[in-house]
Amino acid sequence: SRDALVIAEAKLALVDADASGRASLRAFAMLEPVDLDADAIRARFGLHHHHHHHKGSSAAAKAAPVVTTPPASIDAAARRAEAKRLLLATDCVVAAGLRHGTEVVKRYRLAVDL
């Protein structure tokens, strides 16, 4: 599939890594040519993201998302491919120093939700 090919090419670009981080940037550009739209990805795979608030717990727990299971009609292989792409892209932006903090955590959470 096209997704598998893009993931494989990005992995090859990372193998050809150099000290300046250009390989991570090149791999990221292959994996995510446009900015991540988490809401569009959630909608495409039937994931509904809403927050469940807990009384008397930490701020992080109060904002913990409740994720519904995607419908069976959504192709599991497509979800898995999207999650792999998202994980590798996130690893690349972290390695290149382009993203950090809560943005990175949100990207990893989305991959897990998939």
PDB file of N, CA and C in Angstrom:
ATOM      1  N   SER A   1       0.835  -1.184   0.000  1.00  0.00           N
ATOM      2  CA  SER A   1       0.000   0.000   0.000  1.00  0.00           C
ATOM      3  C   SER A   1       0.882   1.250   0.000  1.00  0.00           C
ATOM      4  N   ARG A   2       0.265   2.369  -0.324  1.00  0.00           N
ATOM      5  CA  ARG A   2       0.999   3.633  -0.372  1.00  0.00           C
ATOM      6  C   ARG A   2       1.543   3.988   1.007  1.00  0.00           C
ATOM      7  N   ASP A   3       0.725   3.782   2.060  1.00  0.00           N
ATOM      8  CA  ASP A   3       1.173   4.098   3.426  1.00  0.00           C
ATOM      9  C   ASP A   3       2.406   3.292   3.801  1.00  0.00           C
ATOM     10  N   ALA A   4       2.400   2.010   3.480  1.00  0.00           N
ATOM     11  CA  ALA A   4       3.541   1.145   3.804  1.00  0.00           C
ATOM     12  C   ALA A   4       4.791   1.611   3.066  1.00  0.00           C
ATOM     13  N   LEU A   5       4.628   2.035   1.819  1.00  0.00           N
ATOM     14  CA  LEU A   5       5.759   2.514   1.028  1.00  0.00           C
ATOM     15  C   LEU A   5       6.347   3.793   1.632  1.00  0.00           C
ATOM     16  N   VAL A   6       5.490   4.734   2.035  1.00  0.00           N
ATOM     17  CA  VAL A   6       5.956   5.981   2.629  1.00  0.00           C
ATOM     18  C   VAL A   6       6.690   5.693   3.935  1.00  0.00           C
ATOM     19  N   ILE A   7       6.142   4.796   4.766  1.00  0.00           N
ATOM     20  CA  ILE A   7       6.790   4.436   6.032  1.00  0.00           C
ATOM     21  C   ILE A   7       8.152   3.811   5.770  1.00  0.00           C
ATOM     22  N   ALA A   8       8.226   2.901   4.799  1.00  0.00           N
ATOM     23  CA  ALA A   8       9.496   2.251   4.475  1.00  0.00           C
ATOM     24  C   ALA A   8      10.529   3.266   3.981  1.00  0.00           C
ATOM     25  N   GLU A   9      10.106   4.195   3.113  1.00  0.00           N
ATOM     26  CA  GLU A   9      11.024   5.216   2.612  1.00  0.00           C
ATOM     27  C   GLU A   9      11.528   6.114   3.740  1.00  0.00           C
ATOM     28  N   ALA A  10      10.647   6.463   4.661  1.00  0.00           N
ATOM     29  CA  ALA A  10      11.051   7.312   5.783  1.00  0.00           C
ATOM     30  C   ALA A  10      12.047   6.576   6.678  1.00  0.00           C
ATOM     31  N   LYS A  11      11.813   5.293   6.904  1.00  0.00           N
ATOM     32  CA  LYS A  11      12.755   4.506   7.713  1.00  0.00           C
ATOM     33  C   LYS A  11      14.121   4.443   7.039  1.00  0.00           C
ATOM     34  N   LEU A  12      14.139   4.293   5.714  1.00  0.00           N
ATOM     35  CA  LEU A  12      15.408   4.280   4.983  1.00  0.00           C
ATOM     36  C   LEU A  12      16.117   5.629   5.101  1.00  0.00           C
ATOM     37  N   ALA A  13      15.358   6.700   5.055  1.00  0.00           N
ATOM     38  CA  ALA A  13      15.956   8.032   5.200  1.00  0.00           C
ATOM     39  C   ALA A  13      16.593   8.188   6.579  1.00  0.00           C
ATOM     40  N   LEU A  14      15.975   7.587   7.593  1.00  0.00           N
ATOM     41  CA  LEU A  14      16.533   7.677   8.946  1.00  0.00           C
ATOM     42  C   LEU A  14      17.798   6.845   9.096  1.00  0.00           C
ATOM     43  N   VAL A  15      17.884   5.730   8.379  1.00  0.00           N
ATOM     44  CA  VAL A  15      19.089   4.897   8.420  1.00  0.00           C
ATOM     45  C   VAL A  15      20.279   5.685   7.893  1.00  0.00           C
ATOM     46  N   ASP A  16      20.000   6.564   6.943  1.00  0.00           N
ATOM     47  CA  ASP A  16      21.027   7.410   6.347  1.00  0.00           C
ATOM     48  C   ASP A  16      21.203   8.688   7.181  1.00  0.00           C
ATOM     49  N   ALA A  17      21.079   8.528   8.495  1.00  0.00           N
ATOM     50  CA  ALA A  17      21.099   9.685   9.395  1.00  0.00           C
ATOM     51  C   ALA A  17      22.453  10.375   9.421  1.00  0.00           C
ATOM     52  N   ASP A  18      22.405  11.647   9.688  1.00  0.00           N
ATOM     53  CA  ASP A  18      23.622  12.422   9.882  1.00  0.00           C
ATOM     54  C   ASP A  18      23.492  13.208  11.181  1.00  0.00           C
ATOM     55  N   ALA A  19      24.572  13.756  11.639  1.00  0.00           N
ATOM     56  CA  ALA A  19      24.606  14.423  12.942  1.00  0.00           C
ATOM     57  C   ALA A  19      23.764  15.694  12.981  1.00  0.00           C
ATOM     58  N   SER A  20      23.478  16.297  11.858  1.00  0.00           N
ATOM     59  CA  SER A  20      22.771  17.572  11.860  1.00  0.00           C
ATOM     60  C   SER A  20      21.262  17.428  12.005  1.00  0.00           C
ATOM     61  N   GLY A  21      20.739  16.229  11.925  1.00  0.00           N
ATOM     62  CA  GLY A  21      19.304  16.034  12.049  1.00  0.00           C
ATOM     63  C   GLY A  21      18.546  16.200  10.746  1.00  0.00           C
ATOM     64  N   ARG A  22      19.270  16.407   9.650  1.00  0.00           N
ATOM     65  CA  ARG A  22      18.591  16.568   8.355  1.00  0.00           C
ATOM     66  C   ARG A  22      17.827  15.318   7.963  1.00  0.00           C
ATOM     67  N   ALA A  23      18.328  14.142   8.347  1.00  0.00           N
ATOM     68  CA  ALA A  23      17.640  12.896   8.002  1.00  0.00           C
ATOM     69  C   ALA A  23      16.275  12.844   8.672  1.00  0.00           C
ATOM     70  N   SER A  24      16.200  13.280   9.915  1.00  0.00           N
ATOM     71  CA  SER A  24      14.915  13.297  10.627  1.00  0.00           C
ATOM     72  C   SER A  24      13.943  14.254   9.950  1.00  0.00           C
ATOM     73  N   LEU A  25      14.440  15.393   9.530  1.00  0.00           N
ATOM     74  CA  LEU A  25      13.589  16.363   8.832  1.00  0.00           C
ATOM     75  C   LEU A  25      13.094  15.814   7.500  1.00  0.00           C
ATOM     76  N   ARG A  26      13.978  15.154   6.772  1.00  0.00           N
ATOM     77  CA  ARG A  26      13.602  14.576   5.482  1.00  0.00           C
ATOM     78  C   ARG A  26      12.549  13.480   5.671  1.00  0.00           C
ATOM     79  N   ALA A  27      12.761  12.610   6.656  1.00  0.00           N
ATOM     80  CA  ALA A  27      11.806  11.542   6.933  1.00  0.00           C
ATOM     81  C   ALA A  27      10.464  12.128   7.371  1.00  0.00           C
ATOM     82  N   PHE A  28      10.494  13.155   8.208  1.00  0.00           N
ATOM     83  CA  PHE A  28       9.261  13.791   8.657  1.00  0.00           C
ATOM     84  C   PHE A  28       8.486  14.381   7.478  1.00  0.00           C
ATOM     85  N   ALA A  29       9.195  15.027   6.560  1.00  0.00           N
ATOM     86  CA  ALA A  29       8.543  15.618   5.392  1.00  0.00           C
ATOM     87  C   ALA A  29       7.862  14.555   4.536  1.00  0.00           C
ATOM     88  N   MET A  30       8.441  13.366   4.471  1.00  0.00           N
ATOM     89  CA  MET A  30       7.821  12.273   3.720  1.00  0.00           C
ATOM     90  C   MET A  30       6.564  11.766   4.423  1.00  0.00           C
ATOM     91  N   LEU A  31       6.649  11.663   5.739  1.00  0.00           N
ATOM     92  CA  LEU A  31       5.555  11.084   6.512  1.00  0.00           C
ATOM     93  C   LEU A  31       4.395  12.046   6.727  1.00  0.00           C
ATOM     94  N   GLU A  32       4.709  13.314   6.845  1.00  0.00           N
ATOM     95  CA  GLU A  32       3.687  14.306   7.162  1.00  0.00           C
ATOM     96  C   GLU A  32       3.907  15.563   6.322  1.00  0.00           C
ATOM     97  N   PRO A  33       3.553  15.482   5.033  1.00  0.00           N
ATOM     98  CA  PRO A  33       3.805  16.621   4.140  1.00  0.00           C
ATOM     99  C   PRO A  33       2.962  17.859   4.469  1.00  0.00           C
ATOM    100  N   VAL A  34       1.859  17.687   5.169  1.00  0.00           N
ATOM    101  CA  VAL A  34       1.052  18.816   5.641  1.00  0.00           C
ATOM    102  C   VAL A  34       0.913  18.686   7.149  1.00  0.00           C
ATOM    103  N   ASP A  35       0.629  19.796   7.815  1.00  0.00           N
ATOM    104  CA  ASP A  35       0.504  19.777   9.274  1.00  0.00           C
ATOM    105  C   ASP A  35      -0.555  18.787   9.726  1.00  0.00           C
ATOM    106  N   LEU A  36      -0.279  18.143  10.840  1.00  0.00           N
ATOM    107  CA  LEU A  36      -1.185  17.174  11.427  1.00  0.00           C
ATOM    108  C   LEU A  36      -2.516  17.824  11.779  1.00  0.00           C
ATOM    109  N   ASP A  37      -3.615  17.198  11.369  1.00  0.00           N
ATOM    110  CA  ASP A  37      -4.955  17.624  11.749  1.00  0.00           C
ATOM    111  C   ASP A  37      -5.568  16.469  12.534  1.00  0.00           C
ATOM    112  N   ALA A  38      -5.354  16.478  13.845  1.00  0.00           N
ATOM    113  CA  ALA A  38      -5.808  15.380  14.699  1.00  0.00           C
ATOM    114  C   ALA A  38      -7.313  15.178  14.611  1.00  0.00           C
ATOM    115  N   ASP A  39      -8.074  16.268  14.520  1.00  0.00           N
ATOM    116  CA  ASP A  39      -9.532  16.140  14.439  1.00  0.00           C
ATOM    117  C   ASP A  39      -9.955  15.425  13.158  1.00  0.00           C
ATOM    118  N   ALA A  40      -9.276  15.731  12.053  1.00  0.00           N
ATOM    119  CA  ALA A  40      -9.603  15.071  10.788  1.00  0.00           C
ATOM    120  C   ALA A  40      -9.262  13.587  10.844  1.00  0.00           C
ATOM    121  N   ILE A  41      -8.147  13.260  11.480  1.00  0.00           N
ATOM    122  CA  ILE A  41      -7.765  11.851  11.613  1.00  0.00           C
ATOM    123  C   ILE A  41      -8.779  11.121  12.478  1.00  0.00           C
ATOM    124  N   ARG A  42      -9.171  11.729  13.598  1.00  0.00           N
ATOM    125  CA  ARG A  42     -10.172  11.118  14.472  1.00  0.00           C
ATOM    126  C   ARG A  42     -11.480  10.893  13.716  1.00  0.00           C
ATOM    127  N   ALA A  43     -11.910  11.881  12.956  1.00  0.00           N
ATOM    128  CA  ALA A  43     -13.159  11.758  12.199  1.00  0.00           C
ATOM    129  C   ALA A  43     -13.048  10.664  11.139  1.00  0.00           C
ATOM    130  N   ARG A  44     -11.915  10.613  10.455  1.00  0.00           N
ATOM    131  CA  ARG A  44     -11.727   9.615   9.399  1.00  0.00           C
ATOM    132  C   ARG A  44     -11.820   8.194   9.923  1.00  0.00           C
ATOM    133  N   PHE A  45     -11.354   7.984  11.153  1.00  0.00           N
ATOM    134  CA  PHE A  45     -11.344   6.638  11.718  1.00  0.00           C
ATOM    135  C   PHE A  45     -12.449   6.406  12.742  1.00  0.00           C
ATOM    136  N   GLY A  46     -13.381   7.338  12.835  1.00  0.00           N
ATOM    137  CA  GLY A  46     -14.527   7.144  13.712  1.00  0.00           C
ATOM    138  C   GLY A  46     -14.215   7.242  15.187  1.00  0.00           C
ATOM    139  N   LEU A  47     -13.159   7.961  15.536  1.00  0.00           N
ATOM    140  CA  LEU A  47     -12.807   8.156  16.940  1.00  0.00           C
ATOM    141  C   LEU A  47     -13.457   9.431  17.433  1.00  0.00           C
ATOM    142  N   HIS A  48     -14.104   9.340  18.563  1.00  0.00           N
ATOM    143  CA  HIS A  48     -14.722  10.526  19.156  1.00  0.00           C
ATOM    144  C   HIS A  48     -13.932  10.878  20.388  1.00  0.00           C
ATOM    145  N   HIS A  49     -13.453  12.092  20.445  1.00  0.00           N
ATOM    146  CA  HIS A  49     -12.578  12.535  21.529  1.00  0.00           C
ATOM    147  C   HIS A  49     -13.332  13.568  22.351  1.00  0.00           C
ATOM    148  N   HIS A  50     -13.639  13.190  23.568  1.00  0.00           N
ATOM    149  CA  HIS A  50     -14.225  14.156  24.482  1.00  0.00           C
ATOM    150  C   HIS A  50     -13.585  13.959  25.838  1.00  0.00           C
ATOM    151  N   HIS A  51     -13.715  14.944  26.694  1.00  0.00           N
ATOM    152  CA  HIS A  51     -13.036  14.903  27.986  1.00  0.00           C
ATOM    153  C   HIS A  51     -14.000  14.483  29.080  1.00  0.00           C
ATOM    154  N   HIS A  52     -13.471  13.696  29.997  1.00  0.00           N
ATOM    155  CA  HIS A  52     -14.221  13.245  31.161  1.00  0.00           C
ATOM    156  C   HIS A  52     -13.569  13.884  32.373  1.00  0.00           C
ATOM    157  N   HIS A  53     -14.318  14.626  33.129  1.00  0.00           N
ATOM    158  CA  HIS A  53     -13.748  15.344  34.262  1.00  0.00           C
ATOM    159  C   HIS A  53     -13.903  14.544  35.545  1.00  0.00           C
ATOM    160  N   HIS A  54     -12.835  14.503  36.334  1.00  0.00           N
ATOM    161  CA  HIS A  54     -12.826  13.808  37.612  1.00  0.00           C
ATOM    162  C   HIS A  54     -12.767  14.852  38.718  1.00  0.00           C
ATOM    163  N   LYS A  55     -13.645  14.735  39.705  1.00  0.00           N
ATOM    164  CA  LYS A  55     -13.624  15.668  40.826  1.00  0.00           C
ATOM    165  C   LYS A  55     -12.486  15.335  41.769  1.00  0.00           C
ATOM    166  N   GLY A  56     -11.768  16.349  42.200  1.00  0.00           N
ATOM    167  CA  GLY A  56     -10.741  16.173  43.209  1.00  0.00           C
ATOM    168  C   GLY A  56      -9.472  15.491  42.734  1.00  0.00           C
ATOM    169  N   SER A  57      -9.240  15.409  41.449  1.00  0.00           N
ATOM    170  CA  SER A  57      -8.006  14.792  40.965  1.00  0.00           C
ATOM    171  C   SER A  57      -7.145  15.838  40.291  1.00  0.00           C
ATOM    172  N   SER A  58      -5.986  15.421  39.833  1.00  0.00           N
ATOM    173  CA  SER A  58      -5.039  16.360  39.232  1.00  0.00           C
ATOM    174  C   SER A  58      -5.597  16.970  37.953  1.00  0.00           C
ATOM    175  N   ALA A  59      -4.988  18.061  37.542  1.00  0.00           N
ATOM    176  CA  ALA A  59      -5.420  18.732  36.318  1.00  0.00           C
ATOM    177  C   ALA A  59      -5.263  17.816  35.110  1.00  0.00           C
ATOM    178  N   ALA A  60      -4.187  17.018  35.085  1.00  0.00           N
ATOM    179  CA  ALA A  60      -3.976  16.101  33.959  1.00  0.00           C
ATOM    180  C   ALA A  60      -5.072  15.054  33.908  1.00  0.00           C
ATOM    181  N   ALA A  61      -5.462  14.528  35.046  1.00  0.00           N
ATOM    182  CA  ALA A  61      -6.514  13.516  35.075  1.00  0.00           C
ATOM    183  C   ALA A  61      -7.858  14.124  34.710  1.00  0.00           C
ATOM    184  N   LYS A  62      -8.086  15.386  35.105  1.00  0.00           N
ATOM    185  CA  LYS A  62      -9.354  16.046  34.777  1.00  0.00           C
ATOM    186  C   LYS A  62      -9.535  16.169  33.276  1.00  0.00           C
ATOM    187  N   ALA A  63      -8.442  16.348  32.558  1.00  0.00           N
ATOM    188  CA  ALA A  63      -8.519  16.527  31.116  1.00  0.00           C
ATOM    189  C   ALA A  63      -8.294  15.222  30.365  1.00  0.00           C
ATOM    190  N   ALA A  64      -8.284  14.086  31.070  1.00  0.00           N
ATOM    191  CA  ALA A  64      -8.041  12.796  30.423  1.00  0.00           C
ATOM    192  C   ALA A  64      -9.136  12.512  29.402  1.00  0.00           C
ATOM    193  N   PRO A  65      -8.746  12.226  28.173  1.00  0.00           N
ATOM    194  CA  PRO A  65      -9.761  11.985  27.152  1.00  0.00           C
ATOM    195  C   PRO A  65     -10.429  10.628  27.345  1.00  0.00           C
ATOM    196  N   VAL A  66     -11.688  10.571  26.963  1.00  0.00           N
ATOM    197  CA  VAL A  66     -12.405   9.311  26.913  1.00  0.00           C
ATOM    198  C   VAL A  66     -12.580   9.006  25.437  1.00  0.00           C
ATOM    199  N   VAL A  67     -12.045   7.894  25.012  1.00  0.00           N
ATOM    200  CA  VAL A  67     -12.058   7.552  23.598  1.00  0.00           C
ATOM    201  C   VAL A  67     -13.012   6.400  23.375  1.00  0.00           C
ATOM    202  N   THR A  68     -13.914   6.568  22.434  1.00  0.00           N
ATOM    203  CA  THR A  68     -14.823   5.477  22.113  1.00  0.00           C
ATOM    204  C   THR A  68     -14.161   4.563  21.103  1.00  0.00           C
ATOM    205  N   THR A  69     -14.533   3.309  21.124  1.00  0.00           N
ATOM    206  CA  THR A  69     -13.969   2.339  20.197  1.00  0.00           C
ATOM    207  C   THR A  69     -14.481   2.627  18.790  1.00  0.00           C
ATOM    208  N   PRO A  70     -13.588   2.629  17.804  1.00  0.00           N
ATOM    209  CA  PRO A  70     -14.025   2.896  16.440  1.00  0.00           C
ATOM    210  C   PRO A  70     -14.931   1.770  15.941  1.00  0.00           C
ATOM    211  N   PRO A  71     -15.856   2.080  15.044  1.00  0.00           N
ATOM    212  CA  PRO A  71     -16.745   1.050  14.532  1.00  0.00           C
ATOM    213  C   PRO A  71     -15.976  -0.044  13.803  1.00  0.00           C
ATOM    214  N   ALA A  72     -16.533  -1.243  13.809  1.00  0.00           N
ATOM    215  CA  ALA A  72     -15.875  -2.389  13.177  1.00  0.00           C
ATOM    216  C   ALA A  72     -15.687  -2.179  11.683  1.00  0.00           C
ATOM    217  N   SER A  73     -16.504  -1.301  11.087  1.00  0.00           N
ATOM    218  CA  SER A  73     -16.414  -1.076   9.643  1.00  0.00           C
ATOM    219  C   SER A  73     -15.129  -0.347   9.243  1.00  0.00           C
ATOM    220  N   ILE A  74     -14.483   0.308  10.196  1.00  0.00           N
ATOM    221  CA  ILE A  74     -13.224   0.993   9.895  1.00  0.00           C
ATOM    222  C   ILE A  74     -12.132  -0.059   9.756  1.00  0.00           C
ATOM    223  N   ASP A  75     -11.410   0.001   8.679  1.00  0.00           N
ATOM    224  CA  ASP A  75     -10.380  -0.986   8.379  1.00  0.00           C
ATOM    225  C   ASP A  75      -9.259  -0.946   9.410  1.00  0.00           C
ATOM    226  N   ALA A  76      -9.061  -2.064  10.106  1.00  0.00           N
ATOM    227  CA  ALA A  76      -8.029  -2.148  11.145  1.00  0.00           C
ATOM    228  C   ALA A  76      -6.635  -1.933  10.563  1.00  0.00           C
ATOM    229  N   ALA A  77      -6.392  -2.439   9.365  1.00  0.00           N
ATOM    230  CA  ALA A  77      -5.078  -2.275   8.739  1.00  0.00           C
ATOM    231  C   ALA A  77      -4.803  -0.803   8.443  1.00  0.00           C
ATOM    232  N   ALA A  78      -5.816  -0.065   8.026  1.00  0.00           N
ATOM    233  CA  ALA A  78      -5.644   1.365   7.744  1.00  0.00           C
ATOM    234  C   ALA A  78      -5.364   2.126   9.031  1.00  0.00           C
ATOM    235  N   ARG A  79      -6.056   1.771  10.112  1.00  0.00           N
ATOM    236  CA  ARG A  79      -5.802   2.411  11.407  1.00  0.00           C
ATOM    237  C   ARG A  79      -4.378   2.124  11.874  1.00  0.00           C
ATOM    238  N   ARG A  80      -3.959   0.876  11.718  1.00  0.00           N
ATOM    239  CA  ARG A  80      -2.607   0.481  12.140  1.00  0.00           C
ATOM    240  C   ARG A  80      -1.556   1.236  11.329  1.00  0.00           C
ATOM    241  N   ALA A  81      -1.769   1.356  10.020  1.00  0.00           N
ATOM    242  CA  ALA A  81      -0.828   2.077   9.152  1.00  0.00           C
ATOM    243  C   ALA A  81      -0.764   3.551   9.537  1.00  0.00           C
ATOM    244  N   GLU A  82      -1.911   4.150   9.828  1.00  0.00           N
ATOM    245  CA  GLU A  82      -1.932   5.561  10.234  1.00  0.00           C
ATOM    246  C   GLU A  82      -1.211   5.737  11.565  1.00  0.00           C
ATOM    247  N   ALA A  83      -1.412   4.817  12.493  1.00  0.00           N
ATOM    248  CA  ALA A  83      -0.741   4.891  13.794  1.00  0.00           C
ATOM    249  C   ALA A  83       0.771   4.771  13.625  1.00  0.00           C
ATOM    250  N   LYS A  84       1.222   3.849  12.767  1.00  0.00           N
ATOM    251  CA  LYS A  84       2.662   3.687  12.524  1.00  0.00           C
ATOM    252  C   LYS A  84       3.257   4.952  11.926  1.00  0.00           C
ATOM    253  N   ARG A  85       2.542   5.519  10.948  1.00  0.00           N
ATOM    254  CA  ARG A  85       3.009   6.750  10.304  1.00  0.00           C
ATOM    255  C   ARG A  85       3.113   7.873  11.324  1.00  0.00           C
ATOM    256  N   LEU A  86       2.090   8.003  12.159  1.00  0.00           N
ATOM    257  CA  LEU A  86       2.064   9.052  13.162  1.00  0.00           C
ATOM    258  C   LEU A  86       3.183   8.868  14.197  1.00  0.00           C
ATOM    259  N   LEU A  87       3.404   7.636  14.633  1.00  0.00           N
ATOM    260  CA  LEU A  87       4.484   7.367  15.593  1.00  0.00           C
ATOM    261  C   LEU A  87       5.846   7.714  15.010  1.00  0.00           C
ATOM    262  N   LEU A  88       6.106   7.254  13.790  1.00  0.00           N
ATOM    263  CA  LEU A  88       7.400   7.532  13.172  1.00  0.00           C
ATOM    264  C   LEU A  88       7.582   9.026  12.920  1.00  0.00           C
ATOM    265  N   ALA A  89       6.525   9.704  12.458  1.00  0.00           N
ATOM    266  CA  ALA A  89       6.605  11.149  12.219  1.00  0.00           C
ATOM    267  C   ALA A  89       6.884  11.894  13.522  1.00  0.00           C
ATOM    268  N   THR A  90       6.237  11.463  14.594  1.00  0.00           N
ATOM    269  CA  THR A  90       6.455  12.113  15.887  1.00  0.00           C
ATOM    270  C   THR A  90       7.877  11.880  16.378  1.00  0.00           C
ATOM    271  N   ASP A  91       8.363  10.661  16.223  1.00  0.00           N
ATOM    272  CA  ASP A  91       9.753  10.376  16.589  1.00  0.00           C
ATOM    273  C   ASP A  91      10.715  11.284  15.807  1.00  0.00           C
ATOM    274  N   CYS A  92      10.421  11.493  14.534  1.00  0.00           N
ATOM    275  CA  CYS A  92      11.278  12.337  13.692  1.00  0.00           C
ATOM    276  C   CYS A  92      11.279  13.788  14.157  1.00  0.00           C
ATOM    277  N   VAL A  93      10.087  14.349  14.466  1.00  0.00           N
ATOM    278  CA  VAL A  93      10.047  15.755  14.869  1.00  0.00           C
ATOM    279  C   VAL A  93      10.692  15.957  16.229  1.00  0.00           C
ATOM    280  N   VAL A  94      10.591  14.944  17.095  1.00  0.00           N
ATOM    281  CA  VAL A  94      11.264  15.044  18.395  1.00  0.00           C
ATOM    282  C   VAL A  94      12.781  15.001  18.186  1.00  0.00           C
ATOM    283  N   ALA A  95      13.238  14.060  17.346  1.00  0.00           N
ATOM    284  CA  ALA A  95      14.681  13.934  17.077  1.00  0.00           C
ATOM    285  C   ALA A  95      15.243  15.207  16.446  1.00  0.00           C
ATOM    286  N   ALA A  96      14.443  15.865  15.618  1.00  0.00           N
ATOM    287  CA  ALA A  96      14.891  17.090  14.955  1.00  0.00           C
ATOM    288  C   ALA A  96      14.709  18.322  15.852  1.00  0.00           C
ATOM    289  N   GLY A  97      14.074  18.148  17.003  1.00  0.00           N
ATOM    290  CA  GLY A  97      13.855  19.260  17.923  1.00  0.00           C
ATOM    291  C   GLY A  97      12.768  20.219  17.487  1.00  0.00           C
ATOM    292  N   LEU A  98      11.849  19.760  16.626  1.00  0.00           N
ATOM    293  CA  LEU A  98      10.795  20.636  16.110  1.00  0.00           C
ATOM    294  C   LEU A  98       9.566  20.699  17.007  1.00  0.00           C
ATOM    295  N   ARG A  99       9.311  19.652  17.775  1.00  0.00           N
ATOM    296  CA  ARG A  99       8.135  19.601  18.645  1.00  0.00           C
ATOM    297  C   ARG A  99       8.571  19.093  20.015  1.00  0.00           C
ATOM    298  N   HIS A 100       7.810  19.501  21.032  1.00  0.00           N
ATOM    299  CA  HIS A 100       8.096  19.023  22.384  1.00  0.00           C
ATOM    300  C   HIS A 100       6.862  19.214  23.266  1.00  0.00           C
ATOM    301  N   GLY A 101       6.920  18.698  24.467  1.00  0.00           N
ATOM    302  CA  GLY A 101       5.882  18.923  25.466  1.00  0.00           C
ATOM    303  C   GLY A 101       4.536  18.316  25.131  1.00  0.00           C
ATOM    304  N   THR A 102       3.492  19.074  25.439  1.00  0.00           N
ATOM    305  CA  THR A 102       2.128  18.549  25.301  1.00  0.00           C
ATOM    306  C   THR A 102       1.774  18.220  23.853  1.00  0.00           C
ATOM    307  N   GLU A 103       2.344  18.924  22.920  1.00  0.00           N
ATOM    308  CA  GLU A 103       2.058  18.622  21.512  1.00  0.00           C
ATOM    309  C   GLU A 103       2.520  17.204  21.166  1.00  0.00           C
ATOM    310  N   VAL A 104       3.680  16.821  21.657  1.00  0.00           N
ATOM    311  CA  VAL A 104       4.205  15.474  21.412  1.00  0.00           C
ATOM    312  C   VAL A 104       3.321  14.435  22.109  1.00  0.00           C
ATOM    313  N   VAL A 105       2.940  14.726  23.341  1.00  0.00           N
ATOM    314  CA  VAL A 105       2.077  13.797  24.089  1.00  0.00           C
ATOM    315  C   VAL A 105       0.753  13.601  23.352  1.00  0.00           C
ATOM    316  N   LYS A 106       0.169  14.680  22.834  1.00  0.00           N
ATOM    317  CA  LYS A 106      -1.096  14.573  22.091  1.00  0.00           C
ATOM    318  C   LYS A 106      -0.931  13.695  20.845  1.00  0.00           C
ATOM    319  N   ARG A 107       0.195  13.833  20.159  1.00  0.00           N
ATOM    320  CA  ARG A 107       0.439  13.029  18.966  1.00  0.00           C
ATOM    321  C   ARG A 107       0.537  11.538  19.335  1.00  0.00           C
ATOM    322  N   TYR A 108       1.257  11.248  20.412  1.00  0.00           N
ATOM    323  CA  TYR A 108       1.381   9.849  20.846  1.00  0.00           C
ATOM    324  C   TYR A 108       0.032   9.298  21.311  1.00  0.00           C
ATOM    325  N   ARG A 109      -0.754  10.106  22.017  1.00  0.00           N
ATOM    326  CA  ARG A 109      -2.095   9.656  22.449  1.00  0.00           C
ATOM    327  C   ARG A 109      -2.984   9.323  21.250  1.00  0.00           C
ATOM    328  N   LEU A 110      -2.906  10.138  20.218  1.00  0.00           N
ATOM    329  CA  LEU A 110      -3.702   9.875  19.025  1.00  0.00           C
ATOM    330  C   LEU A 110      -3.286   8.542  18.400  1.00  0.00           C
ATOM    331  N   ALA A 111      -1.983   8.294  18.333  1.00  0.00           N
ATOM    332  CA  ALA A 111      -1.507   7.032  17.786  1.00  0.00           C
ATOM    333  C   ALA A 111      -2.020   5.841  18.591  1.00  0.00           C
ATOM    334  N   VAL A 112      -2.010   5.975  19.907  1.00  0.00           N
ATOM    335  CA  VAL A 112      -2.528   4.904  20.767  1.00  0.00           C
ATOM    336  C   VAL A 112      -4.024   4.715  20.552  1.00  0.00           C
ATOM    337  N   ASP A 113      -4.762   5.811  20.419  1.00  0.00           N
ATOM    338  CA  ASP A 113      -6.202   5.739  20.204  1.00  0.00           C
ATOM    339  C   ASP A 113      -6.545   5.004  18.906  1.00  0.00           C
ATOM    340  N   LEU A 114      -5.666   5.167  17.914  1.00  0.00           N
ATOM    341  CA  LEU A 114      -5.915   4.490  16.636  1.00  0.00           C
ATOM    342  C   LEU A 114      -5.814   2.992  16.814  1.00  0.00           C
TER     343      LEU A 114
END
